[in-house]
C-alpha atoms as a PDB file:
ATOM      1  CA  MET A   1     -23.011  -7.699 -20.471  1.00  0.00           C
ATOM      2  CA  HIS A   2     -24.068  -7.194 -16.719  1.00  0.00           C
ATOM      3  CA  CYS A   3     -23.745  -3.789 -15.382  1.00  0.00           C
ATOM      4  CA  GLU A   4     -24.161  -3.572 -11.469  1.00  0.00           C
ATOM      5  CA  LEU A   5     -24.489  -0.118 -10.294  1.00  0.00           C
ATOM      6  CA  VAL A   6     -23.930   0.324  -6.288  1.00  0.00           C
ATOM      7  CA  VAL A   7     -25.399   3.812  -5.390  1.00  0.00           C
ATOM      8  CA  PRO A   8     -25.179   4.549  -1.738  1.00  0.00           C
ATOM      9  CA  ALA A   9     -27.815   7.173  -0.419  1.00  0.00           C
ATOM     10  CA  LEU A  10     -29.975   6.710  -3.280  1.00  0.00           C
ATOM     11  CA  PHE A  11     -33.121   6.500  -1.073  1.00  0.00           C
ATOM     12  CA  ALA A  12     -31.605   8.676   1.353  1.00  0.00           C
ATOM     13  CA  ALA A  13     -33.533  12.070   0.720  1.00  0.00           C
ATOM     14  CA  ARG A  14     -37.342  12.257   0.772  1.00  0.00           C
ATOM     15  CA  GLU A  15     -37.518  15.116  -1.855  1.00  0.00           C
ATOM     16  CA  VAL A  16     -36.192  14.036  -5.288  1.00  0.00           C
ATOM     17  CA  PRO A  17     -36.783  15.173  -8.843  1.00  0.00           C
ATOM     18  CA  HIS A  18     -38.272  13.451 -11.409  1.00  0.00           C
ATOM     19  CA  LEU A  19     -35.958  10.655 -12.841  1.00  0.00           C
ATOM     20  CA  PRO A  20     -37.710   9.014 -15.650  1.00  0.00           C
ATOM     21  CA  ALA A  21     -34.943   6.527 -16.774  1.00  0.00           C
ATOM     22  CA  LEU A  22     -33.978   5.286 -13.228  1.00  0.00           C
ATOM     23  CA  GLU A  23     -37.742   5.088 -12.193  1.00  0.00           C
ATOM     24  CA  LEU A  24     -38.499   2.930 -15.222  1.00  0.00           C
ATOM     25  CA  LEU A  25     -35.545   0.793 -14.455  1.00  0.00           C
ATOM     26  CA  LEU A  26     -36.702   0.212 -10.983  1.00  0.00           C
ATOM     27  CA  ALA A  27     -40.397  -0.188 -12.083  1.00  0.00           C
ATOM     28  CA  ARG A  28     -39.813  -2.850 -14.684  1.00  0.00           C
ATOM     29  CA  GLY A  29     -36.949  -4.902 -13.046  1.00  0.00           C
ATOM     30  CA  GLN A  30     -37.000  -7.526 -10.376  1.00  0.00           C
ATOM     31  CA  PRO A  31     -36.590  -6.190  -6.949  1.00  0.00           C
ATOM     32  CA  ALA A  32     -34.865  -7.807  -4.015  1.00  0.00           C
ATOM     33  CA  ARG A  33     -34.362  -7.421  -0.605  1.00  0.00           C
ATOM     34  CA  GLU A  34     -31.183  -7.978   1.364  1.00  0.00           C
ATOM     35  CA  GLN A  35     -29.191  -6.906   4.486  1.00  0.00           C
ATOM     36  CA  ALA A  36     -28.895  -3.121   4.712  1.00  0.00           C
ATOM     37  CA  LEU A  37     -25.117  -2.195   4.922  1.00  0.00           C
ATOM     38  CA  PRO A  38     -23.116   0.933   4.620  1.00  0.00           C
ATOM     39  CA  LEU A  39     -21.031   1.011   1.601  1.00  0.00           C
ATOM     40  CA  GLU A  40     -17.793   0.029   3.378  1.00  0.00           C
ATOM     41  CA  PRO A  41     -18.943  -2.946   4.893  1.00  0.00           C
ATOM     42  CA  TRP A  42     -20.939  -3.952   1.797  1.00  0.00           C
ATOM     43  CA  ILE A  43     -17.767  -3.605  -0.130  1.00  0.00           C
ATOM     44  CA  ALA A  44     -15.798  -5.996   2.459  1.00  0.00           C
ATOM     45  CA  GLN A  45     -18.514  -8.554   2.179  1.00  0.00           C
ATOM     46  CA  ALA A  46     -18.688  -8.437  -1.574  1.00  0.00           C
ATOM     47  CA  PHE A  47     -15.015  -9.068  -1.780  1.00  0.00           C
ATOM     48  CA  GLY A  48     -14.967 -12.041   0.584  1.00  0.00           C
ATOM     49  CA  LEU A  49     -14.036 -10.183   3.740  1.00  0.00           C
ATOM     50  CA  ALA A  50     -15.861 -10.457   6.986  1.00  0.00           C
ATOM     51  CA  GLU A  51     -17.995  -7.099   7.044  1.00  0.00           C
ATOM     52  CA  HIS A  52     -16.836  -6.174  10.496  1.00  0.00           C
ATOM     53  CA  VAL A  53     -13.211  -6.548   9.601  1.00  0.00           C
ATOM     54  CA  LEU A  54     -12.174  -4.058   7.067  1.00  0.00           C
ATOM     55  CA  PRO A  55      -8.676  -2.697   7.290  1.00  0.00           C
ATOM     56  CA  ALA A  56      -9.584   0.329   5.341  1.00  0.00           C
ATOM     57  CA  GLY A  57      -6.105   2.180   5.563  1.00  0.00           C
ATOM     58  CA  ALA A  58      -3.969  -0.619   4.119  1.00  0.00           C
ATOM     59  CA  ILE A  59      -6.594  -1.114   1.223  1.00  0.00           C
ATOM     60  CA  THR A  60      -6.545   2.655   0.541  1.00  0.00           C
ATOM     61  CA  VAL A  61      -2.837   2.489   0.395  1.00  0.00           C
ATOM     62  CA  LEU A  62      -2.831  -0.359  -1.961  1.00  0.00           C
ATOM     63  CA  ALA A  63      -5.269   1.487  -4.151  1.00  0.00           C
ATOM     64  CA  ASP A  64      -3.411   5.104  -3.888  1.00  0.00           C
ATOM     65  CA  GLY A  65       0.019   4.155  -2.533  1.00  0.00           C
ATOM     66  CA  ALA A  66       1.627   6.007  -5.542  1.00  0.00           C
ATOM     67  CA  ASN A  67       0.360   9.167  -4.224  1.00  0.00           C
ATOM     68  CA  GLY A  68       2.786   9.208  -1.193  1.00  0.00           C
ATOM     69  CA  GLY A  69       2.152   6.092   0.936  1.00  0.00           C
ATOM     70  CA  GLY A  70       3.918   3.457  -0.920  1.00  0.00           C
ATOM     71  CA  SER A  71       3.152  -0.050  -0.659  1.00  0.00           C
ATOM     72  CA  PRO A  72       1.207  -1.152   2.533  1.00  0.00           C
ATOM     73  CA  GLY A  73       3.862  -3.724   3.263  1.00  0.00           C
ATOM     74  CA  ASP A  74       3.672  -5.390   6.539  1.00  0.00           C
ATOM     75  CA  PHE A  75       2.427  -2.499   8.411  1.00  0.00           C
ATOM     76  CA  CYS A  76      -0.654  -1.933  10.273  1.00  0.00           C
ATOM     77  CA  TRP A  77      -2.491   1.098   8.646  1.00  0.00           C
ATOM     78  CA  LEU A  78      -5.693   3.161   9.358  1.00  0.00           C
ATOM     79  CA  ARG A  79      -7.477   5.928   7.803  1.00  0.00           C
ATOM     80  CA  ALA A  80      -7.112   9.529   9.651  1.00  0.00           C
ATOM     81  CA  ASP A  81      -9.603  11.311   7.612  1.00  0.00           C
ATOM     82  CA  PRO A  82      -9.860  15.019   8.071  1.00  0.00           C
ATOM     83  CA  VAL A  83     -13.287  16.275   9.369  1.00  0.00           C
ATOM     84  CA  HIS A  84     -14.881  19.166  10.695  1.00  0.00           C
ATOM     85  CA  LEU A  85     -16.391  19.014  14.121  1.00  0.00           C
ATOM     86  CA  ARG A  86     -19.308  21.574  14.283  1.00  0.00           C
ATOM     87  CA  ILE A  87     -20.799  23.038  17.829  1.00  0.00           C
ATOM     88  CA  GLU A  88     -24.672  22.735  17.751  1.00  0.00           C
ATOM     89  CA  ARG A  89     -26.022  23.903  20.806  1.00  0.00           C
ATOM     90  CA  ASP A  90     -25.151  21.112  23.403  1.00  0.00           C
ATOM     91  CA  ARG A  91     -23.408  18.624  21.155  1.00  0.00           C
ATOM     92  CA  LEU A  92     -20.444  18.182  18.889  1.00  0.00           C
ATOM     93  CA  ALA A  93     -21.234  17.044  15.193  1.00  0.00           C
ATOM     94  CA  LEU A  94     -19.177  14.979  12.782  1.00  0.00           C
ATOM     95  CA  ILE A  95     -18.938  16.596   9.357  1.00  0.00           C
ATOM     96  CA  PRO A  96     -16.812  14.270   7.142  1.00  0.00           C
ATOM     97  CA  SER A  97     -14.546  15.506   4.295  1.00  0.00           C
ATOM     98  CA  ALA A  98     -17.105  14.200   1.682  1.00  0.00           C
ATOM     99  CA  GLY A  99     -19.237  17.360   2.776  1.00  0.00           C
ATOM    100  CA  PHE A 100     -16.891  19.928   1.804  1.00  0.00           C
ATOM    101  CA  SER A 101     -13.737  20.416  -0.423  1.00  0.00           C
ATOM    102  CA  ILE A 102     -10.128  20.497   0.370  1.00  0.00           C
ATOM    103  CA  SER A 103      -7.524  21.289  -2.000  1.00  0.00           C
ATOM    104  CA  ARG A 104      -4.346  19.376  -2.435  1.00  0.00           C
ATOM    105  CA  ASP A 105      -2.077  22.171  -1.295  1.00  0.00           C
ATOM    106  CA  GLU A 106      -4.155  22.399   2.050  1.00  0.00           C
ATOM    107  CA  ALA A 107      -4.201  18.757   2.849  1.00  0.00           C
ATOM    108  CA  GLU A 108      -0.247  18.665   2.275  1.00  0.00           C
ATOM    109  CA  ALA A 109      -0.001  21.843   4.526  1.00  0.00           C
ATOM    110  CA  PHE A 110      -2.278  20.224   7.241  1.00  0.00           C
ATOM    111  CA  ALA A 111      -0.472  16.999   7.162  1.00  0.00           C
ATOM    112  CA  ALA A 112       3.034  18.752   7.426  1.00  0.00           C
ATOM    113  CA  ALA A 113       1.890  20.754  10.339  1.00  0.00           C
ATOM    114  CA  LEU A 114       0.563  17.293  12.286  1.00  0.00           C
ATOM    115  CA  ASN A 115       3.665  15.313  11.352  1.00  0.00           C
ATOM    116  CA  ARG A 116       5.839  18.258  12.765  1.00  0.00           C
ATOM    117  CA  HIS A 117       3.910  18.290  15.766  1.00  0.00           C
ATOM    118  CA  PHE A 118       3.981  14.417  16.399  1.00  0.00           C
ATOM    119  CA  ASP A 119       7.629  14.161  15.247  1.00  0.00           C
ATOM    120  CA  ASP A 120       8.296  10.355  15.059  1.00  0.00           C
ATOM    121  CA  GLU A 121       5.192   9.302  17.043  1.00  0.00           C
ATOM    122  CA  LEU A 122       2.910   9.061  13.826  1.00  0.00           C
ATOM    123  CA  THR A 123       3.183  10.073  10.156  1.00  0.00           C
ATOM    124  CA  ILE A 124       0.167  11.108   8.195  1.00  0.00           C
ATOM    125  CA  PHE A 125       0.039  10.476   4.528  1.00  0.00           C
ATOM    126  CA  PRO A 126      -2.582  12.725   2.649  1.00  0.00           C
ATOM    127  CA  LEU A 127      -3.037  10.183  -0.169  1.00  0.00           C
ATOM    128  CA  ARG A 128      -5.968  12.299  -1.419  1.00  0.00           C
ATOM    129  CA  PRO A 129      -6.914  15.748  -0.220  1.00  0.00           C
ATOM    130  CA  ASP A 130      -9.891  14.048   1.488  1.00  0.00           C
ATOM    131  CA  CYS A 131      -8.399  10.624   2.498  1.00  0.00           C
ATOM    132  CA  TRP A 132      -5.439  10.338   4.832  1.00  0.00           C
ATOM    133  CA  CYS A 133      -3.696   7.408   6.046  1.00  0.00           C
ATOM    134  CA  LEU A 134      -1.455   6.553   9.205  1.00  0.00           C
ATOM    135  CA  ARG A 135       1.148   3.791   9.567  1.00  0.00           C
ATOM    136  CA  SER A 136       2.064   1.650  12.319  1.00  0.00           C
ATOM    137  CA  ALA A 137       4.627  -0.856  12.949  1.00  0.00           C
ATOM    138  CA  ARG A 138       2.426  -2.661  15.418  1.00  0.00           C
ATOM    139  CA  ASP A 139      -1.182  -3.721  15.430  1.00  0.00           C
ATOM    140  CA  ILE A 140      -3.699  -1.440  16.253  1.00  0.00           C
ATOM    141  CA  ALA A 141      -6.942  -2.487  18.193  1.00  0.00           C
ATOM    142  CA  LEU A 142      -9.544   0.199  17.140  1.00  0.00           C
ATOM    143  CA  GLU A 143     -13.061   0.010  15.913  1.00  0.00           C
ATOM    144  CA  ALA A 144     -14.936   3.026  14.457  1.00  0.00           C
ATOM    145  CA  SER A 145     -17.264   3.545  11.563  1.00  0.00           C
ATOM    146  CA  ALA A 146     -16.413   5.551   8.453  1.00  0.00           C
ATOM    147  CA  PRO A 147     -16.964   9.276   9.112  1.00  0.00           C
ATOM    148  CA  VAL A 148     -19.359   9.412   5.974  1.00  0.00           C
ATOM    149  CA  GLU A 149     -21.456   7.131   7.745  1.00  0.00           C
ATOM    150  CA  LEU A 150     -21.710   9.232  10.840  1.00  0.00           C
ATOM    151  CA  ALA A 151     -22.539  12.537   9.008  1.00  0.00           C
ATOM    152  CA  GLY A 152     -24.303  14.832  11.457  1.00  0.00           C
ATOM    153  CA  GLN A 153     -24.041  12.677  14.235  1.00  0.00           C
ATOM    154  CA  GLU A 154     -22.715  13.306  17.741  1.00  0.00           C
ATOM    155  CA  VAL A 155     -19.076  12.661  18.231  1.00  0.00           C
ATOM    156  CA  ASN A 156     -18.937  11.718  21.748  1.00  0.00           C
ATOM    157  CA  ALA A 157     -21.545   8.858  20.925  1.00  0.00           C
ATOM    158  CA  ASN A 158     -19.357   7.388  18.155  1.00  0.00           C
ATOM    159  CA  LEU A 159     -15.811   7.637  19.146  1.00  0.00           C
ATOM    160  CA  PRO A 160     -13.612   4.822  18.257  1.00  0.00           C
ATOM    161  CA  ARG A 161     -13.545   1.799  20.510  1.00  0.00           C
ATOM    162  CA  GLY A 162     -11.411  -0.838  21.582  1.00  0.00           C
ATOM    163  CA  PRO A 163      -8.607  -1.706  24.031  1.00  0.00           C
ATOM    164  CA  GLU A 164      -6.330   1.113  23.241  1.00  0.00           C
ATOM    165  CA  ALA A 165      -9.235   3.541  22.399  1.00  0.00           C
ATOM    166  CA  ALA A 166      -8.168   6.160  25.329  1.00  0.00           C
ATOM    167  CA  ARG A 167      -4.792   6.640  23.443  1.00  0.00           C
ATOM    168  CA  TRP A 168      -6.391   7.303  20.145  1.00  0.00           C
ATOM    169  CA  HIS A 169      -8.984   9.825  21.825  1.00  0.00           C
ATOM    170  CA  ALA A 170      -6.150  11.599  23.250  1.00  0.00           C
ATOM    171  CA  LEU A 171      -4.366  11.767  19.845  1.00  0.00           C
ATOM    172  CA  MET A 172      -7.444  13.034  18.455  1.00  0.00           C
ATOM    173  CA  ASN A 173      -7.581  15.831  20.901  1.00  0.00           C
ATOM    174  CA  GLU A 174      -3.765  16.697  20.163  1.00  0.00           C
ATOM    175  CA  VAL A 175      -4.788  16.799  16.550  1.00  0.00           C
ATOM    176  CA  GLN A 176      -7.249  19.224  17.426  1.00  0.00           C
ATOM    177  CA  MET A 177      -5.147  21.556  19.346  1.00  0.00           C
ATOM    178  CA  ALA A 178      -2.496  21.372  16.629  1.00  0.00           C
ATOM    179  CA  LEU A 179      -4.861  22.364  13.948  1.00  0.00           C
ATOM    180  CA  HIS A 180      -6.631  25.028  16.082  1.00  0.00           C
ATOM    181  CA  GLU A 181      -5.995  28.440  14.433  1.00  0.00           C
ATOM    182  CA  HIS A 182      -3.764  26.875  11.623  1.00  0.00           C
ATOM    183  CA  PRO A 183      -3.301  29.460   8.865  1.00  0.00           C
ATOM    184  CA  VAL A 184      -4.966  27.349   6.370  1.00  0.00           C
ATOM    185  CA  ASN A 185      -7.928  27.228   8.550  1.00  0.00           C
ATOM    186  CA  LEU A 186      -8.102  30.824   9.060  1.00  0.00           C
ATOM    187  CA  LYS A 187      -8.403  31.445   5.527  1.00  0.00           C
ATOM    188  CA  ARG A 188     -10.813  28.753   4.976  1.00  0.00           C
ATOM    189  CA  GLU A 189     -13.121  30.604   7.751  1.00  0.00           C
ATOM    190  CA  GLN A 190     -12.752  33.814   6.044  1.00  0.00           C
ATOM    191  CA  ARG A 191     -14.057  32.130   2.896  1.00  0.00           C
ATOM    192  CA  GLY A 192     -16.979  30.792   4.849  1.00  0.00           C
ATOM    193  CA  GLU A 193     -15.695  27.142   4.515  1.00  0.00           C
ATOM    194  CA  PRO A 194     -15.650  24.707   7.235  1.00  0.00           C
ATOM    195  CA  ALA A 195     -12.379  24.401   9.271  1.00  0.00           C
ATOM    196  CA  VAL A 196     -10.461  21.079   8.965  1.00  0.00           C
ATOM    197  CA  ASN A 197     -10.059  20.765  12.810  1.00  0.00           C
ATOM    198  CA  SER A 198      -9.928  17.138  13.575  1.00  0.00           C
ATOM    199  CA  VAL A 199      -9.149  13.794  11.952  1.00  0.00           C
ATOM    200  CA  TRP A 200     -11.275  10.747  12.391  1.00  0.00           C
ATOM    201  CA  PHE A 201      -9.370   7.258  13.049  1.00  0.00           C
ATOM    202  CA  TRP A 202     -10.954   4.140  11.508  1.00  0.00           C
ATOM    203  CA  GLY A 203     -10.078   1.258   9.456  1.00  0.00           C
ATOM    204  CA  ALA A 204      -7.144  -0.093  11.392  1.00  0.00           C
ATOM    205  CA  GLY A 205      -5.476  -3.408  10.073  1.00  0.00           C
ATOM    206  CA  ARG A 206      -3.060  -4.984   7.949  1.00  0.00           C
ATOM    207  CA  LEU A 207      -3.741  -5.774   4.178  1.00  0.00           C
ATOM    208  CA  PRO A 208      -5.695  -8.902   3.736  1.00  0.00           C
ATOM    209  CA  ALA A 209      -3.785 -12.032   2.233  1.00  0.00           C
ATOM    210  CA  ALA A 210      -6.286 -12.096  -0.714  1.00  0.00           C
ATOM    211  CA  ALA A 211      -9.907 -10.742  -1.890  1.00  0.00           C
ATOM    212  CA  ARG A 212     -12.152 -12.393  -4.427  1.00  0.00           C
ATOM    213  CA  GLY A 213     -14.811 -10.638  -6.432  1.00  0.00           C
ATOM    214  CA  LEU A 214     -17.742 -11.705  -8.686  1.00  0.00           C
ATOM    215  CA  TRP A 215     -16.776  -9.298 -11.540  1.00  0.00           C
ATOM    216  CA  ASN A 216     -14.753  -9.004 -14.764  1.00  0.00           C
ATOM    217  CA  SER A 217     -13.789  -5.288 -13.818  1.00  0.00           C
ATOM    218  CA  VAL A 218     -14.512  -2.477 -11.205  1.00  0.00           C
ATOM    219  CA  THR A 219     -15.092   1.046 -11.847  1.00  0.00           C
ATOM    220  CA  ALA A 220     -15.114   3.343  -9.133  1.00  0.00           C
ATOM    221  CA  ASP A 221     -13.389   6.431  -7.472  1.00  0.00           C
ATOM    222  CA  GLU A 222     -13.964   5.129  -3.905  1.00  0.00           C
ATOM    223  CA  PRO A 223     -10.519   3.640  -2.899  1.00  0.00           C
ATOM    224  CA  LEU A 224     -11.720   0.574  -0.991  1.00  0.00           C
ATOM    225  CA  ALA A 225     -13.441  -0.777  -4.225  1.00  0.00           C
ATOM    226  CA  THR A 226     -10.251  -0.125  -6.328  1.00  0.00           C
ATOM    227  CA  GLY A 227      -7.911  -1.703  -3.675  1.00  0.00           C
ATOM    228  CA  LEU A 228      -9.695  -4.576  -3.226  1.00  0.00           C
ATOM    229  CA  ALA A 229     -10.134  -4.913  -6.969  1.00  0.00           C
ATOM    230  CA  ARG A 230      -6.562  -4.634  -7.210  1.00  0.00           C
ATOM    231  CA  LEU A 231      -5.897  -7.236  -4.362  1.00  0.00           C
ATOM    232  CA  ALA A 232      -8.358  -9.657  -6.189  1.00  0.00           C
ATOM    233  CA  ASP A 233      -6.383  -8.792  -9.617  1.00  0.00           C
ATOM    234  CA  LEU A 234      -9.553  -7.717 -11.247  1.00  0.00           C
ATOM    235  CA  ARG A 235      -9.368  -4.987 -13.925  1.00  0.00           C
ATOM    236  CA  HIS A 236     -10.227  -1.611 -12.284  1.00  0.00           C
ATOM    237  CA  ARG A 237     -10.177   2.077 -13.453  1.00  0.00           C
ATOM    238  CA  ALA A 238     -11.368   5.396 -12.270  1.00  0.00           C
ATOM    239  CA  LEU A 239     -14.947   6.315 -12.749  1.00  0.00           C
ATOM    240  CA  PRO A 240     -15.400   8.210 -15.908  1.00  0.00           C
ATOM    241  CA  ALA A 241     -17.818  11.134 -16.537  1.00  0.00           C
ATOM    242  CA  THR A 242     -20.681   9.281 -18.130  1.00  0.00           C
ATOM    243  CA  ALA A 243     -22.029   5.932 -18.677  1.00  0.00           C
ATOM    244  CA  SER A 244     -21.226   6.604 -22.557  1.00  0.00           C
ATOM    245  CA  ASP A 245     -17.650   7.112 -21.763  1.00  0.00           C
ATOM    246  CA  TRP A 246     -17.808   3.838 -19.722  1.00  0.00           C
ATOM    247  CA  LEU A 247     -19.390   1.915 -22.373  1.00  0.00           C
ATOM    248  CA  GLU A 248     -17.012   2.993 -25.007  1.00  0.00           C
ATOM    249  CA  ARG A 249     -14.145   1.115 -23.277  1.00  0.00           C
ATOM    250  CA  ALA A 250     -16.365  -1.732 -21.539  1.00  0.00           C
ATOM    251  CA  PRO A 251     -16.324  -5.195 -23.048  1.00  0.00           C
ATOM    252  CA  GLU A 252     -19.210  -6.761 -24.955  1.00  0.00           C
ATOM    253  CA  ASP A 253     -19.949  -9.538 -21.931  1.00  0.00           C
ATOM    254  CA  GLY A 254     -19.090 -10.242 -18.428  1.00  0.00           C
ATOM    255  CA  ARG A 255     -20.210  -8.747 -15.227  1.00  0.00           C
ATOM    256  CA  HIS A 256     -19.011  -5.314 -14.263  1.00  0.00           C
ATOM    257  CA  LEU A 257     -19.355  -3.315 -11.017  1.00  0.00           C
ATOM    258  CA  VAL A 258     -19.705   0.492 -11.071  1.00  0.00           C
ATOM    259  CA  VAL A 259     -19.769   2.392  -7.722  1.00  0.00           C
ATOM    260  CA  LEU A 260     -21.473   5.786  -7.886  1.00  0.00           C
ATOM    261  CA  ASP A 261     -20.646   7.197  -4.511  1.00  0.00           C
ATOM    262  CA  SER A 262     -21.372  11.051  -4.847  1.00  0.00           C
ATOM    263  CA  LEU A 263     -24.762  11.086  -2.948  1.00  0.00           C
ATOM    264  CA  ARG A 264     -23.581  10.615   0.362  1.00  0.00           C
ATOM    265  CA  GLY A 265     -21.524  13.572   0.556  1.00  0.00           C
ATOM    266  CA  ALA A 266     -24.438  15.958  -0.598  1.00  0.00           C
ATOM    267  CA  LEU A 267     -26.326  15.025   2.571  1.00  0.00           C
ATOM    268  CA  ALA A 268     -23.235  15.401   4.806  1.00  0.00           C
ATOM    269  CA  LEU A 269     -24.102  19.042   5.482  1.00  0.00           C
ATOM    270  CA  GLY A 270     -27.658  18.579   5.552  1.00  0.00           C
ATOM    271  CA  GLY A 271     -28.208  19.650   1.942  1.00  0.00           C
ATOM    272  CA  SER A 272     -31.245  17.942   0.271  1.00  0.00           C
ATOM    273  CA  GLU A 273     -31.012  20.319  -2.618  1.00  0.00           C
ATOM    274  CA  SER A 274     -27.576  19.280  -3.474  1.00  0.00           C
ATOM    275  CA  HIS A 275     -28.663  15.859  -3.086  1.00  0.00           C
ATOM    276  CA  ALA A 276     -31.410  16.309  -5.681  1.00  0.00           C
ATOM    277  CA  GLU A 277     -28.797  18.272  -8.021  1.00  0.00           C
ATOM    278  CA  ARG A 278     -26.555  15.019  -7.657  1.00  0.00           C
ATOM    279  CA  LEU A 279     -29.421  12.879  -8.573  1.00  0.00           C
ATOM    280  CA  ALA A 280     -30.449  14.697 -11.492  1.00  0.00           C
ATOM    281  CA  ALA A 281     -26.853  14.563 -13.000  1.00  0.00           C
ATOM    282  CA  MET A 282     -26.830  11.098 -12.190  1.00  0.00           C
ATOM    283  CA  GLU A 283     -29.738  10.525 -14.252  1.00  0.00           C
ATOM    284  CA  ALA A 284     -28.732  12.410 -17.226  1.00  0.00           C
ATOM    285  CA  ARG A 285     -25.058  10.816 -17.170  1.00  0.00           C
ATOM    286  CA  TRP A 286     -25.596   7.141 -16.050  1.00  0.00           C
ATOM    287  CA  PHE A 287     -29.343   5.844 -15.539  1.00  0.00           C
ATOM    288  CA  ALA A 288     -30.266   7.342 -19.101  1.00  0.00           C
ATOM    289  CA  PRO A 289     -27.429   6.165 -21.039  1.00  0.00           C
ATOM    290  CA  LEU A 290     -27.587   2.816 -19.417  1.00  0.00           C
ATOM    291  CA  LEU A 291     -31.376   2.343 -20.176  1.00  0.00           C
ATOM    292  CA  ASP A 292     -30.563   3.242 -23.748  1.00  0.00           C
ATOM    293  CA  ALA A 293     -27.862   0.768 -23.793  1.00  0.00           C
ATOM    294  CA  LEU A 294     -30.141  -1.868 -22.356  1.00  0.00           C
ATOM    295  CA  ARG A 295     -32.969  -1.077 -24.809  1.00  0.00           C
ATOM    296  CA  HIS A 296     -30.651  -1.550 -27.926  1.00  0.00           C
ATOM    297  CA  GLY A 297     -28.951  -4.730 -26.513  1.00  0.00           C
ATOM    298  CA  ARG A 298     -25.406  -3.382 -25.862  1.00  0.00           C
ATOM    299  CA  ILE A 299     -26.010  -4.240 -22.335  1.00  0.00           C
ATOM    300  CA  GLY A 300     -28.125  -7.562 -21.178  1.00  0.00           C
ATOM    301  CA  MET A 301     -28.858  -6.552 -17.698  1.00  0.00           C
ATOM    302  CA  VAL A 302     -28.643  -3.602 -15.395  1.00  0.00           C
ATOM    303  CA  THR A 303     -28.625  -3.945 -11.416  1.00  0.00           C
ATOM    304  CA  VAL A 304     -29.340  -0.890  -9.411  1.00  0.00           C
ATOM    305  CA  ARG A 305     -28.344  -1.537  -5.843  1.00  0.00           C
ATOM    306  CA  ALA A 306     -28.627   0.579  -2.722  1.00  0.00           C
ATOM    307  CA  PRO A 307     -26.777  -1.291  -0.246  1.00  0.00           C
ATOM    308  CA  ASP A 308     -27.625   1.166   2.748  1.00  0.00           C
ATOM    309  CA  ALA A 309     -31.411   0.654   2.177  1.00  0.00           C
ATOM    310  CA  GLY A 310     -31.075  -3.172   1.421  1.00  0.00           C
ATOM    311  CA  VAL A 311     -32.500  -2.720  -1.814  1.00  0.00           C
ATOM    312  CA  SER A 312     -31.762  -3.813  -5.371  1.00  0.00           C
ATOM    313  CA  HIS A 313     -33.449  -3.950  -8.804  1.00  0.00           C
ATOM    314  CA  GLU A 314     -32.366  -6.268 -11.659  1.00  0.00           C
ATOM    315  CA  THR A 315     -33.849  -5.434 -15.276  1.00  0.00           C
ATOM    316  CA  VAL A 316     -32.908  -7.328 -18.469  1.00  0.00           C
ATOM    317  CA  ARG A 317     -34.073  -5.997 -21.955  1.00  0.00           C
ATOM    318  CA  GLY A 318     -37.282  -8.273 -21.943  1.00  0.00           C
ATOM    319  CA  ASP A 319     -38.531  -6.593 -18.744  1.00  0.00           C
ATOM    320  CA  LEU A 320     -38.832  -3.214 -20.465  1.00  0.00           C
ATOM    321  CA  ARG A 321     -41.900  -4.529 -22.332  1.00  0.00           C
ATOM    322  CA  ARG A 322     -43.673  -4.810 -18.957  1.00  0.00           C
ATOM    323  CA  PHE A 323     -45.634  -1.823 -19.604  1.00  0.00           C
ATOM    324  CA  TRP A 324     -48.147  -2.541 -16.826  1.00  0.00           C
ATOM    325  CA  ARG A 325     -45.484  -2.059 -14.234  1.00  0.00           C
ATOM    326  CA  ARG A 326     -45.711   1.893 -14.204  1.00  0.00           C
ATOM    327  CA  ALA A 327     -42.891   3.724 -13.276  1.00  0.00           C
ATOM    328  CA  ARG A 328     -43.470   5.758  -9.795  1.00  0.00           C
ATOM    329  CA  PRO A 329     -41.284   8.415  -8.162  1.00  0.00           C
ATOM    330  CA  LEU A 330     -38.187   7.160  -6.374  1.00  0.00           C
ATOM    331  CA  THR A 331     -39.646   7.387  -2.930  1.00  0.00           C
ATOM    332  CA  ALA A 332     -42.068   4.646  -3.847  1.00  0.00           C
ATOM    333  CA  TYR A 333     -39.451   1.906  -3.880  1.00  0.00           C
ATOM    334  CA  THR A 334     -38.091   1.720  -0.393  1.00  0.00           C
END
């Protein structure tokens, strides 16, 4: 059985803890270089879509439609994710929802207020507390990066682009006014939490006719991965707490994709300490059990892929005997 781990932001921090299992997998395996891509376009490319055409809204609805969006149908969808815009001296910085927490009740209260404000002009579906979608009967010509990829960057330099960009910029301004002094935000600020003071439009388009993947199964919490797995008619399930839990239900053979997407959010607010803590947890819960499973023949191959760094390492059981390949700190592998 081949386990392929996709771990964005694996090499994003310069200060990292000692990670014996991961460092050994990287040291003994075969390294490869590839095109560096953020997770979202990497997923699109991996499932046979053009990396620059990713209808994230429609794919998210397919993944999570039971939570309020229904079927994507023949509608154009886009993501309208909640974000925090932070004033920093002479600029406005974007903080994605991956960098802070939003409860289900808070998300529904925000969405209800916005839907009342816009009446029938647009409707926001908070499919997940940190992942909202918007439906349109007509196509929307809009291009923008996922907010998690713009964490900490200047908002005005990264605004959505396209023939209809001015309209959506105006809608973003209206959203900001509607959320200003919202009772939920006042409570959040009293608790010292970032206000949800805007949304970020991206991922416009209709659901693709088809997708194809190289795997027998996909395990992820990332809705683009699970949505495209569903479109490709692949087995898919939510990410369990540990690799040991995953292995209990995993088949004995085949190729299986696991997306570990918790590190990007740790850096969204500039928290290298939080990134290190999540790496240490990932080492204990995923890398160490998978290394043990490789040693004992439960797994035949482990691939660790960091798409944003353009780096992957493929390790088979026999590679572990290459004692002369000494493990080095994580920062040595980029």
